[in-house]
Amino acid sequence: MFLLRVIKCDDMKRRIIITIDNDSITDLDALERISEVVKGGKVSKYKDVEQYCFVTTFKDGTKTYARDKKNINTDSFVVW
């Protein structure tokens, strides 16, 4: 699992958590997939909170899932 911290100028912390649920997916592959999802922007909405696309399927069959936001400053993803 990765924990990437981005610190904004006003010292408010944001987190991106990535869980890899498939041993054949490398750390780099997971980062690249999540990078593509993040580039697409926050296009889904759950309980009036914008978030990244819930499920993305790539041509090679790899999928990403954006978990429901429990904390406004944390985005969590699963790659499988």
Protein backbone atom coordinates (compact mmCIF):
# COMPACT_ATOMS: atom_id res chain seq x y z
CA MET A 1 0.00 0.00 0.00
CA PHE A 2 1.18 3.52 -0.79
CA LEU A 3 0.52 6.68 1.14
CA LEU A 4 1.25 9.83 -0.83
CA ARG A 5 1.06 13.11 1.04
CA VAL A 6 0.62 16.42 -0.68
CA ILE A 7 0.95 19.45 1.57
CA LYS A 8 -0.74 22.64 0.43
CA CYS A 9 0.68 26.07 1.19
CA ASP A 10 -1.87 26.68 3.95
CA ASP A 11 -0.56 23.53 5.68
CA MET A 12 -3.77 21.53 5.13
CA LYS A 13 -2.80 17.94 4.40
CA ARG A 14 -4.31 15.82 1.65
CA ARG A 15 -3.75 12.10 1.18
CA ILE A 16 -4.03 9.62 -1.64
CA ILE A 17 -4.14 5.99 -0.54
CA ILE A 18 -3.62 3.21 -3.11
CA THR A 19 -4.31 -0.44 -2.35
CA ILE A 20 -3.07 -3.02 -4.87
CA ASP A 21 -5.21 -6.17 -4.82
CA ASN A 22 -3.39 -8.15 -7.50
CA ASP A 23 0.18 -9.45 -7.14
CA SER A 24 0.78 -9.17 -10.90
CA ILE A 25 0.34 -5.37 -10.80
CA THR A 26 3.58 -3.56 -10.04
CA ASP A 27 3.78 -0.48 -7.86
CA LEU A 28 4.62 1.61 -10.92
CA ASP A 29 1.66 0.19 -12.89
CA ALA A 30 -0.69 1.09 -10.03
CA LEU A 31 0.69 4.62 -9.82
CA GLU A 32 0.31 5.08 -13.58
CA ARG A 33 -3.33 3.87 -13.49
CA ILE A 34 -4.25 6.15 -10.60
CA SER A 35 -2.45 9.01 -12.32
CA GLU A 36 -4.74 8.56 -15.35
CA VAL A 37 -7.84 8.56 -13.14
CA VAL A 38 -6.69 11.70 -11.32
CA LYS A 39 -5.94 13.44 -14.64
CA GLY A 40 -9.57 12.83 -15.59
CA GLY A 41 -10.68 14.93 -12.66
CA LYS A 42 -13.44 14.51 -10.12
CA VAL A 43 -16.29 13.34 -12.33
CA SER A 44 -18.42 11.30 -9.90
CA LYS A 45 -20.58 12.45 -7.03
CA TYR A 46 -21.65 10.62 -3.88
CA LYS A 47 -23.68 12.32 -1.16
CA ASP A 48 -22.98 15.70 -2.79
CA VAL A 49 -19.20 15.16 -2.58
CA GLU A 50 -17.26 15.21 -5.84
CA GLN A 51 -14.72 12.47 -6.30
CA TYR A 52 -12.74 10.64 -8.94
CA CYS A 53 -14.40 8.16 -11.29
CA PHE A 54 -15.84 5.30 -9.21
CA VAL A 55 -14.63 2.51 -11.52
CA THR A 56 -12.22 2.71 -14.45
CA THR A 57 -11.39 -0.27 -16.66
CA PHE A 58 -8.24 -0.14 -18.79
CA LYS A 59 -7.70 -1.96 -22.11
CA ASP A 60 -5.53 -4.63 -20.47
CA GLY A 61 -8.32 -5.46 -17.99
CA THR A 62 -6.81 -3.62 -15.02
CA LYS A 63 -9.47 -1.84 -12.98
CA THR A 64 -9.41 0.99 -10.45
CA TYR A 65 -12.03 1.77 -7.87
CA ALA A 66 -12.33 5.07 -6.02
CA ARG A 67 -13.65 4.35 -2.55
CA ASP A 68 -16.31 6.52 -0.93
CA LYS A 69 -14.80 9.60 0.66
CA LYS A 70 -14.91 9.35 4.43
CA ASN A 71 -12.57 12.30 4.85
CA ILE A 72 -12.72 15.36 2.60
CA ASN A 73 -8.90 15.47 2.38
CA THR A 74 -8.34 11.79 1.58
CA ASP A 75 -8.87 9.92 -1.69
CA SER A 76 -8.57 6.12 -1.58
CA PHE A 77 -8.19 3.83 -4.57
CA VAL A 78 -8.05 0.09 -5.17
CA VAL A 79 -6.24 -1.32 -8.22
CA TRP A 80 -6.86 -4.89 -9.38
